[in-house]
Amino acid sequence: MQVYFIAIGGSVMHNLAIALQNKGYTVTGSDDKIFDPSYSNLKKHGLLPNKEGWDTNNIHAGLDAVILGMHAKPDNPELIKANELGVKIYSFPEYLYEQTKTKKRVVIGGSHGKTTITSMVMHVLRDNNINFDYMVGSQIAGFDTMVYLDEENEIAVFEGDEYLSSPIDERPKFHLYKPHVALISGISWDHVNVFPTFQNYKEQFSVFIDKIESDGSLIYYKNDQIVNEIVQNSRGDIKKIPYNAPDYVQKNEQNFILTAQGEIPLKVFGGHNMANIEGARLICEQIGLKSDMFYKSIQSFKGAFKRLQLIGENEKSKVYLDFAHAPSKVKATVNAVKEKYPARKLIAGLELHTFSSLTIDFLKQYYGTMDEADYSFIYYNPKTVEQKGLKMITPEDIKNAFGAQKMRVHRDIDQFMKEINDIEIEEKVVLLMTSGNFGGVNMEKTGKQLL
């Protein structure tokens, strides 16, 4: 099979390219910009394009498939030529489905928690020597790539992203996977650039449920009112399994789940992660894994990359990095850290980076999300606002939206980090949250400095 990637440098795109090469496919591709870690990973596997940019000479009738990434534009010259030659064009979710359409597909969706739940399921299955295909939106400890495909596997586990599939396919990615086992962890408005109203956003999850295979299963977080509403009004030919966070206790800053097998010690923390664990357990149960085996394996799960990742610590202080950016994610993360360290001062810093978070009409969704922090800081780059073509926001707009007049708002990353660093508290926890990179700051170095 000869497969060509237009915009091969994307996070999941380059991982899919590596996965297909590992299957024995002939893989080539192009991109006009490739950054690390994509650059280094592609180079390591001999898949790095010889030059940047698009070249129609790369496209020929001998290609079995072209996979189109979101970074490309609809008028991409390689895409136009592929269409002219009649080469089959796929988005990456379409191609993942083609690769796994004879397998039992598990898809984890939701506005928050989907990467963590997917990671938990992957960790437990591997720990129990169960082979499976997978696609996850973050690097996971113990897994070399974010995508893996093998003809022999009978199960495929996918993180179900609700964002668009490609520049020419505006269907949300998770509509294309047609799961046998699906999960929805919660619904809160996001991606306002493509879903301008909450009703429009919410409808995508109803469609996701409609795409579940006949006699399939839907696992859903019952404490989310919106999820409950959608599930109650959905089709009746699927099995519906509600879940909630199990009972748990905290001892010496460690969480323990209370089960019939006794107290199960965990390396992750926070009420939202307790709920994530229960969702993952029910998925594994649908696959055929018993609860005692799940609990034995989940004890060693340390979390996904940038999901409450500990990047610095000493005897009295800790620094965490988290991918939180949407309002529901920010609130859950702040509350989880405060719950774990109630006696320490919590210093929370958030970068507003996404289209949604920098849209003035959406900002009010963040009201109260950082109330549990003892000190709260916001960083945003005015150039990012301009690049996204948005109306400029002010520090006062942000303070009013969060309902936090004492919040410190910075447009300069050095001042943001300096002010956090200057807080002289011996026993503290610093929580840094972003879906970006804080202006290119070295986070490992920062984690040590902030101590």
Protein backbone atom coordinates (compact mmCIF):
# COMPACT_ATOMS: atom_id res chain seq x y z
CA MET A 1 0.00 0.00 0.00
CA GLN A 2 1.27 3.47 -0.93
CA VAL A 3 -0.11 6.21 1.33
CA TYR A 4 0.65 9.92 1.09
CA PHE A 5 0.09 12.46 3.89
CA ILE A 6 -0.71 16.09 3.10
CA ALA A 7 0.30 17.98 6.27
CA ILE A 8 2.23 15.05 7.75
CA GLY A 9 3.60 17.16 10.62
CA GLY A 10 0.40 17.21 12.68
CA SER A 11 0.45 15.68 16.14
CA VAL A 12 -1.76 12.69 15.32
CA MET A 13 -1.02 12.74 11.59
CA HIS A 14 2.67 11.98 12.00
CA ASN A 15 1.87 9.25 14.51
CA LEU A 16 -0.54 7.64 12.03
CA ALA A 17 2.20 7.84 9.38
CA ILE A 18 4.60 5.99 11.69
CA ALA A 19 1.95 3.39 12.55
CA LEU A 20 1.28 2.65 8.87
CA GLN A 21 4.99 2.39 8.08
CA ASN A 22 5.33 -0.07 10.96
CA LYS A 23 2.59 -2.13 9.27
CA GLY A 24 4.72 -2.33 6.14
CA TYR A 25 3.05 0.41 4.11
CA THR A 26 5.05 2.75 1.86
CA VAL A 27 4.51 6.16 3.47
CA THR A 28 5.46 9.60 2.16
CA GLY A 29 4.21 13.10 2.85
CA SER A 30 4.66 16.85 2.90
CA ASP A 31 4.13 19.92 5.05
CA ASP A 32 5.04 23.59 4.97
CA LYS A 33 5.95 23.71 8.67
CA ILE A 34 7.02 20.90 10.99
CA PHE A 35 7.93 21.45 14.63
CA ASP A 36 9.12 19.16 17.40
CA PRO A 37 8.26 16.58 18.54
CA SER A 38 6.82 15.80 15.08
CA TYR A 39 10.07 16.81 13.35
CA SER A 40 12.30 14.54 15.46
CA ASN A 41 9.86 11.61 15.33
CA LEU A 42 9.50 11.76 11.54
CA LYS A 43 13.27 12.05 11.12
CA LYS A 44 13.86 9.08 13.41
CA HIS A 45 11.58 6.91 11.25
CA GLY A 46 12.89 8.19 7.93
CA LEU A 47 9.62 9.95 7.11
CA LEU A 48 10.73 13.58 7.27
CA PRO A 49 10.04 15.30 3.90
CA ASN A 50 13.15 16.31 1.97
CA LYS A 51 11.98 19.92 1.85
CA GLU A 52 9.27 22.14 3.27
CA GLY A 53 6.24 23.05 1.21
CA TRP A 54 3.87 21.42 -1.27
CA ASP A 55 4.96 19.72 -4.49
CA THR A 56 2.42 18.35 -6.98
CA ASN A 57 5.12 15.99 -8.33
CA ASN A 58 4.60 13.96 -5.16
CA ILE A 59 1.05 13.07 -6.22
CA HIS A 60 0.61 10.27 -8.77
CA ALA A 61 -1.98 7.72 -9.81
CA GLY A 62 -0.07 4.91 -8.10
CA LEU A 63 -1.06 6.15 -4.64
CA ASP A 64 -3.62 3.98 -2.87
CA ALA A 65 -4.68 6.78 -0.53
CA VAL A 66 -4.05 10.41 0.38
CA ILE A 67 -4.64 11.37 4.01
CA LEU A 68 -5.45 15.06 4.46
CA GLY A 69 -4.53 16.89 7.67
CA MET A 70 -6.29 19.90 9.22
CA HIS A 71 -3.24 22.12 8.68
CA ALA A 72 -3.71 22.01 4.91
CA LYS A 73 -6.07 24.38 3.10
CA PRO A 74 -8.91 23.39 0.70
CA ASP A 75 -6.95 24.94 -2.20
CA ASN A 76 -3.79 22.95 -1.43
CA PRO A 77 -2.12 22.17 -4.82
CA GLU A 78 -1.38 18.55 -3.85
CA LEU A 79 -5.01 18.05 -2.83
CA ILE A 80 -6.23 19.54 -6.13
CA LYS A 81 -4.00 17.19 -8.13
CA ALA A 82 -5.07 14.15 -6.10
CA ASN A 83 -8.68 15.01 -6.89
CA GLU A 84 -7.87 15.42 -10.59
CA LEU A 85 -6.20 11.98 -10.67
CA GLY A 86 -9.07 10.35 -8.78
CA VAL A 87 -6.88 9.21 -5.88
CA LYS A 88 -8.99 8.31 -2.83
CA ILE A 89 -8.74 11.07 -0.20
CA TYR A 90 -9.33 10.42 3.49
CA SER A 91 -9.27 12.44 6.69
CA PHE A 92 -7.32 10.66 9.41
CA PRO A 93 -10.49 9.58 11.32
CA GLU A 94 -11.89 8.14 8.08
CA TYR A 95 -8.70 6.18 7.54
CA LEU A 96 -8.63 4.95 11.13
CA TYR A 97 -12.14 3.57 10.62
CA GLU A 98 -11.07 1.87 7.38
CA GLN A 99 -8.19 0.24 9.25
CA THR A 100 -10.43 -1.03 12.08
CA LYS A 101 -13.87 -1.60 10.54
CA THR A 102 -13.74 -5.35 11.24
CA LYS A 103 -12.75 -4.82 14.91
CA LYS A 104 -14.58 -4.01 18.13
CA ARG A 105 -14.23 -0.25 18.41
CA VAL A 106 -14.21 1.64 21.71
CA VAL A 107 -14.54 5.43 21.48
CA ILE A 108 -14.20 7.81 24.43
CA GLY A 109 -15.82 11.22 23.89
CA GLY A 110 -16.62 14.26 26.01
CA SER A 111 -15.61 17.88 26.47
CA HIS A 112 -13.14 16.91 29.19
CA GLY A 113 -11.41 13.79 30.50
CA LYS A 114 -11.36 11.83 27.24
CA THR A 115 -7.56 11.70 26.94
CA THR A 116 -7.19 10.54 30.54
CA ILE A 117 -9.92 7.88 30.29
CA THR A 118 -8.46 6.60 27.01
CA SER A 119 -5.03 6.46 28.65
CA MET A 120 -6.43 4.56 31.63
CA VAL A 121 -8.05 1.96 29.39
CA MET A 122 -4.85 1.57 27.37
CA HIS A 123 -2.76 1.18 30.52
CA VAL A 124 -5.04 -1.49 31.99
CA LEU A 125 -5.37 -3.50 28.77
CA ARG A 126 -1.61 -3.53 28.25
CA ASP A 127 -1.04 -4.49 31.89
CA ASN A 128 -3.33 -7.49 31.33
CA ASN A 129 -1.56 -8.53 28.10
CA ILE A 130 -4.54 -7.68 25.89
CA ASN A 131 -3.44 -6.56 22.41
CA PHE A 132 -5.33 -3.67 20.79
CA ASP A 133 -5.14 -0.86 18.25
CA TYR A 134 -5.32 2.67 19.61
CA MET A 135 -5.32 6.39 18.92
CA VAL A 136 -4.90 8.88 21.78
CA GLY A 137 -4.28 12.63 21.78
CA SER A 138 -1.29 12.64 24.12
CA GLN A 139 1.94 10.77 24.68
CA ILE A 140 1.35 7.99 27.22
CA ALA A 141 4.03 6.43 29.41
CA GLY A 142 4.93 2.97 28.14
CA PHE A 143 3.60 3.58 24.61
CA ASP A 144 6.02 4.60 21.87
CA THR A 145 3.46 6.34 19.67
CA MET A 146 0.01 7.93 19.90
CA VAL A 147 -1.34 5.61 17.17
CA TYR A 148 -0.91 1.85 16.79
CA LEU A 149 -2.46 -0.52 14.22
CA ASP A 150 -2.03 -4.27 13.80
CA GLU A 151 -3.99 -6.62 11.54
CA GLU A 152 -4.11 -9.29 14.27
CA ASN A 153 -5.76 -7.16 16.96
CA GLU A 154 -9.50 -7.54 17.56
CA ILE A 155 -10.04 -4.37 19.64
CA ALA A 156 -9.46 -0.69 18.78
CA VAL A 157 -9.52 2.07 21.42
CA PHE A 158 -9.90 5.64 20.16
CA GLU A 159 -10.06 9.03 21.82
CA GLY A 160 -13.10 10.66 20.23
CA ASP A 161 -12.38 14.31 19.43
CA GLU A 162 -15.37 16.49 18.49
CA TYR A 163 -13.32 18.85 16.31
CA LEU A 164 -13.60 18.83 12.50
CA SER A 165 -12.12 15.97 10.49
CA SER A 166 -10.32 17.87 7.71
CA PRO A 167 -10.40 21.14 5.74
CA ILE A 168 -12.88 19.57 3.29
CA ASP A 169 -14.80 17.41 5.79
CA GLU A 170 -16.60 19.37 8.51
CA ARG A 171 -17.91 16.31 10.33
CA PRO A 172 -16.57 15.98 13.89
CA LYS A 173 -13.93 13.26 14.09
CA PHE A 174 -15.86 11.09 16.55
CA HIS A 175 -18.79 10.80 14.13
CA LEU A 176 -16.68 8.62 11.84
CA TYR A 177 -15.60 5.81 14.18
CA LYS A 178 -18.98 4.00 14.63
CA PRO A 179 -18.19 2.54 18.07
CA HIS A 180 -19.46 -0.69 19.60
CA VAL A 181 -18.66 0.75 23.04
CA ALA A 182 -18.91 4.51 23.52
CA LEU A 183 -18.39 6.81 26.50
CA ILE A 184 -19.36 10.45 27.11
CA SER A 185 -17.57 11.99 30.09
CA GLY A 186 -19.34 15.36 30.10
CA ILE A 187 -20.47 18.18 27.85
CA SER A 188 -19.53 21.84 28.16
CA TRP A 189 -19.34 24.28 25.28
CA ASP A 190 -16.04 24.51 23.42
CA HIS A 191 -14.63 25.22 19.93
CA VAL A 192 -16.80 28.30 19.37
CA ASN A 193 -15.05 28.97 16.05
CA VAL A 194 -16.82 25.94 14.52
CA PHE A 195 -19.75 25.51 16.95
CA PRO A 196 -20.98 29.09 17.43
CA THR A 197 -23.81 28.15 19.81
CA PHE A 198 -24.00 25.70 22.69
CA GLN A 199 -27.01 24.03 21.06
CA ASN A 200 -24.97 23.40 17.93
CA TYR A 201 -22.11 21.96 20.00
CA LYS A 202 -24.45 19.77 22.03
CA GLU A 203 -26.04 18.32 18.89
CA GLN A 204 -22.70 16.77 17.90
CA PHE A 205 -22.93 14.40 20.86
CA SER A 206 -26.44 13.35 19.88
CA VAL A 207 -25.08 12.46 16.43
CA PHE A 208 -22.21 10.57 18.11
CA ILE A 209 -24.76 8.43 19.95
CA ASP A 210 -26.64 7.82 16.70
CA LYS A 211 -23.42 6.46 15.18
CA ILE A 212 -23.05 3.69 17.79
CA GLU A 213 -23.38 0.24 16.21
CA SER A 214 -26.68 -1.62 16.76
CA ASP A 215 -26.77 -3.42 20.13
CA GLY A 216 -23.76 -1.37 21.22
CA SER A 217 -23.15 0.19 24.63
CA LEU A 218 -23.12 3.81 25.81
CA ILE A 219 -21.38 4.60 29.10
CA TYR A 220 -22.16 8.10 30.36
CA TYR A 221 -21.43 10.35 33.34
CA LYS A 222 -24.81 10.64 35.04
CA ASN A 223 -23.96 13.73 37.12
CA ASP A 224 -23.81 15.87 33.99
CA GLN A 225 -27.29 17.30 33.36
CA ILE A 226 -26.67 17.90 29.65
CA VAL A 227 -25.37 14.37 29.11
CA ASN A 228 -28.40 12.95 30.92
CA GLU A 229 -30.76 14.98 28.74
CA ILE A 230 -29.12 13.77 25.53
CA VAL A 231 -28.99 10.13 26.63
CA GLN A 232 -32.64 10.10 27.74
CA ASN A 233 -33.72 11.39 24.33
CA SER A 234 -31.51 9.00 22.37
CA ARG A 235 -32.25 5.73 20.58
CA GLY A 236 -33.46 2.70 22.49
CA ASP A 237 -31.56 -0.12 20.80
CA ILE A 238 -28.29 0.41 22.72
CA LYS A 239 -27.33 -0.49 26.26
CA LYS A 240 -27.04 2.63 28.45
CA ILE A 241 -24.71 2.43 31.44
CA PRO A 242 -24.52 5.44 33.83
CA TYR A 243 -21.53 6.08 36.07
CA ASN A 244 -20.41 8.42 38.80
CA ALA A 245 -17.27 8.94 40.86
CA PRO A 246 -16.89 6.03 43.31
CA ASP A 247 -16.48 6.63 47.02
CA TYR A 248 -12.91 7.51 47.91
CA VAL A 249 -10.80 8.83 50.76
CA GLN A 250 -7.56 10.79 50.98
CA LYS A 251 -4.77 9.81 53.35
CA ASN A 252 -1.43 11.61 53.50
CA GLU A 253 -2.13 13.36 50.19
CA GLN A 254 -2.97 10.08 48.40
CA ASN A 255 -6.38 8.99 47.09
CA PHE A 256 -7.87 5.55 47.76
CA ILE A 257 -10.98 4.19 46.02
CA LEU A 258 -13.31 2.25 48.31
CA THR A 259 -14.30 -1.05 46.65
CA ALA A 260 -15.58 -4.51 47.56
CA GLN A 261 -11.93 -5.59 47.36
CA GLY A 262 -10.96 -2.95 49.94
CA GLU A 263 -9.12 0.35 49.56
CA ILE A 264 -7.37 0.72 46.20
CA PRO A 265 -4.35 3.12 46.32
CA LEU A 266 -3.92 5.46 43.36
CA LYS A 267 -1.19 7.62 41.87
CA VAL A 268 -3.70 10.11 40.39
CA PHE A 269 -5.95 12.42 42.40
CA GLY A 270 -9.03 14.64 42.24
CA GLY A 271 -12.75 13.91 42.09
CA HIS A 272 -12.74 14.22 38.30
CA ASN A 273 -10.10 11.49 38.04
CA MET A 274 -12.09 9.23 40.37
CA ALA A 275 -14.99 9.56 37.91
CA ASN A 276 -12.58 8.95 35.01
CA ILE A 277 -11.43 5.71 36.65
CA GLU A 278 -15.00 4.46 36.99
CA GLY A 279 -15.69 5.23 33.33
CA ALA A 280 -12.53 3.37 32.33
CA ARG A 281 -13.50 0.40 34.52
CA LEU A 282 -16.89 0.11 32.81
CA ILE A 283 -15.26 0.22 29.38
CA CYS A 284 -12.91 -2.59 30.36
CA GLU A 285 -15.88 -4.52 31.74
CA GLN A 286 -17.59 -4.28 28.34
CA ILE A 287 -14.44 -5.67 26.74
CA GLY A 288 -14.49 -8.61 29.16
CA LEU A 289 -12.04 -7.59 31.89
CA LYS A 290 -13.15 -8.24 35.46
CA SER A 291 -13.14 -5.46 38.06
CA ASP A 292 -10.50 -7.06 40.28
CA MET A 293 -8.08 -7.18 37.35
CA PHE A 294 -8.88 -3.55 36.50
CA TYR A 295 -8.27 -2.34 40.07
CA LYS A 296 -4.99 -4.23 40.28
CA SER A 297 -3.73 -2.53 37.11
CA ILE A 298 -5.06 1.00 37.66
CA GLN A 299 -2.95 1.36 40.82
CA SER A 300 0.18 1.90 38.71
CA PHE A 301 -1.39 4.47 36.34
CA LYS A 302 0.49 7.77 36.68
CA GLY A 303 -1.55 9.92 34.31
CA ALA A 304 -1.21 11.22 30.76
CA PHE A 305 1.40 13.71 29.59
CA LYS A 306 0.52 17.28 30.70
CA ARG A 307 -2.47 16.01 32.69
CA LEU A 308 -1.63 17.11 36.26
CA GLN A 309 1.98 16.30 35.44
CA LEU A 310 4.38 16.95 38.31
CA ILE A 311 7.23 19.04 36.84
CA GLY A 312 8.97 20.13 40.04
CA GLU A 313 8.97 19.37 43.76
CA ASN A 314 10.86 19.65 47.01
CA GLU A 315 9.93 18.71 50.58
CA LYS A 316 7.37 21.49 50.97
CA SER A 317 6.31 22.62 47.48
CA LYS A 318 5.17 21.16 44.17
CA VAL A 319 4.67 22.44 40.63
CA TYR A 320 2.10 20.87 38.28
CA LEU A 321 1.48 21.33 34.56
CA ASP A 322 -1.95 20.61 33.10
CA PHE A 323 -3.52 20.78 29.64
CA ALA A 324 -6.65 22.46 31.07
CA HIS A 325 -7.95 25.29 28.91
CA ALA A 326 -11.77 25.01 28.62
CA PRO A 327 -13.75 26.35 31.61
CA SER A 328 -14.89 22.95 32.87
CA LYS A 329 -11.34 21.61 32.69
CA VAL A 330 -9.88 24.62 34.51
CA LYS A 331 -12.39 24.37 37.34
CA ALA A 332 -11.96 20.60 37.77
CA THR A 333 -8.17 20.87 37.78
CA VAL A 334 -7.99 23.77 40.25
CA ASN A 335 -10.44 22.04 42.59
CA ALA A 336 -8.56 18.74 42.38
CA VAL A 337 -5.24 20.32 43.40
CA LYS A 338 -6.84 22.27 46.25
CA GLU A 339 -8.57 19.11 47.48
CA LYS A 340 -5.26 17.22 47.48
CA TYR A 341 -3.30 19.99 49.25
CA PRO A 342 -5.81 21.84 51.47
CA ALA A 343 -3.16 23.07 53.90
CA ARG A 344 -0.92 24.62 51.24
CA LYS A 345 -1.38 27.87 49.35
CA LEU A 346 -2.44 27.24 45.76
CA ILE A 347 -0.96 29.52 43.09
CA ALA A 348 -2.79 28.93 39.78
CA GLY A 349 -1.65 30.31 36.42
CA LEU A 350 -3.64 29.92 33.20
CA GLU A 351 -2.70 30.78 29.62
CA LEU A 352 -5.64 31.85 27.46
CA HIS A 353 -4.62 30.43 24.11
CA THR A 354 -7.55 28.87 22.23
CA PHE A 355 -9.99 30.63 19.90
CA SER A 356 -12.76 30.10 22.46
CA SER A 357 -10.83 31.40 25.47
CA LEU A 358 -9.80 34.57 23.62
CA THR A 359 -13.33 35.35 22.40
CA ILE A 360 -14.84 38.07 24.58
CA ASP A 361 -18.39 36.67 24.41
CA PHE A 362 -17.14 33.25 25.56
CA LEU A 363 -14.97 34.52 28.42
CA LYS A 364 -17.90 34.64 30.84
CA GLN A 365 -17.96 30.81 30.76
CA TYR A 366 -14.89 31.00 33.04
CA TYR A 367 -16.77 32.72 35.87
CA GLY A 368 -15.69 31.25 39.22
CA THR A 369 -13.46 28.57 37.70
CA MET A 370 -10.36 29.66 39.66
CA ASP A 371 -12.06 30.63 42.93
CA GLU A 372 -10.38 27.82 44.88
CA ALA A 373 -6.91 29.23 44.14
CA ASP A 374 -5.33 31.45 46.78
CA TYR A 375 -3.53 33.40 44.04
CA SER A 376 -4.66 33.43 40.42
CA PHE A 377 -2.79 34.63 37.33
CA ILE A 378 -3.71 34.87 33.65
CA TYR A 379 -1.37 35.17 30.67
CA TYR A 380 -2.41 35.92 27.10
CA ASN A 381 -0.50 37.10 24.07
CA PRO A 382 -2.16 40.01 22.19
CA LYS A 383 -0.45 38.79 18.99
CA THR A 384 -2.34 35.50 19.28
CA VAL A 385 -5.62 37.42 19.54
CA GLU A 386 -4.71 39.35 16.39
CA GLN A 387 -3.66 36.21 14.50
CA LYS A 388 -7.02 34.62 15.23
CA GLY A 389 -8.81 37.72 13.93
CA LEU A 390 -10.57 38.37 17.23
CA LYS A 391 -11.60 41.55 19.00
CA MET A 392 -8.87 42.56 21.44
CA ILE A 393 -9.60 41.77 25.09
CA THR A 394 -8.30 43.73 28.08
CA PRO A 395 -7.15 42.67 31.55
CA GLU A 396 -10.37 44.18 32.94
CA ASP A 397 -12.46 42.07 30.54
CA ILE A 398 -10.71 38.97 31.90
CA LYS A 399 -11.07 39.90 35.58
CA ASN A 400 -14.77 40.63 35.11
CA ALA A 401 -15.34 37.39 33.21
CA PHE A 402 -13.63 35.28 35.90
CA GLY A 403 -15.33 37.24 38.68
CA ALA A 404 -11.92 37.80 40.27
CA GLN A 405 -10.85 41.41 40.64
CA LYS A 406 -7.73 40.38 42.60
CA MET A 407 -6.60 38.20 39.71
CA ARG A 408 -3.33 39.33 38.09
CA VAL A 409 -3.42 39.48 34.27
CA HIS A 410 -0.25 39.65 32.17
CA ARG A 411 0.47 40.10 28.48
CA ASP A 412 4.20 39.53 28.97
CA ILE A 413 5.26 35.96 29.77
CA ASP A 414 8.39 37.00 31.66
CA GLN A 415 6.38 39.25 33.99
CA PHE A 416 3.78 36.50 34.44
CA MET A 417 6.40 33.96 35.54
CA LYS A 418 8.32 36.52 37.64
CA GLU A 419 5.27 37.52 39.65
CA ILE A 420 4.38 33.89 40.35
CA ASN A 421 7.99 33.22 41.35
CA ASP A 422 8.09 36.26 43.65
CA ILE A 423 5.33 34.96 45.93
CA GLU A 424 7.27 34.02 49.06
CA ILE A 425 5.40 31.08 50.58
CA GLU A 426 7.27 28.12 52.00
CA GLU A 427 4.55 25.50 51.59
CA LYS A 428 2.87 26.05 48.24
CA VAL A 429 1.54 24.32 45.16
CA VAL A 430 1.92 25.97 41.77
CA LEU A 431 -0.49 24.88 39.04
CA LEU A 432 0.21 25.99 35.45
CA MET A 433 -2.55 25.34 32.90
CA THR A 434 -2.44 25.71 29.12
CA SER A 435 -3.15 24.03 25.80
CA GLY A 436 -0.32 26.15 24.37
CA ASN A 437 3.26 26.51 25.55
CA PHE A 438 3.40 29.73 27.62
CA GLY A 439 5.25 31.52 24.87
CA GLY A 440 7.80 28.75 24.39
CA VAL A 441 8.91 28.58 28.03
CA ASN A 442 10.93 25.48 28.98
CA MET A 443 8.50 23.93 31.46
CA GLU A 444 10.95 21.48 33.05
CA LYS A 445 13.31 24.35 33.82
CA THR A 446 10.41 26.50 35.00
CA GLY A 447 9.17 23.76 37.31
CA LYS A 448 12.49 23.84 39.17
CA GLN A 449 12.74 27.63 39.19
CA LEU A 450 9.30 28.11 40.74
CA LEU A 451 10.35 26.12 43.80
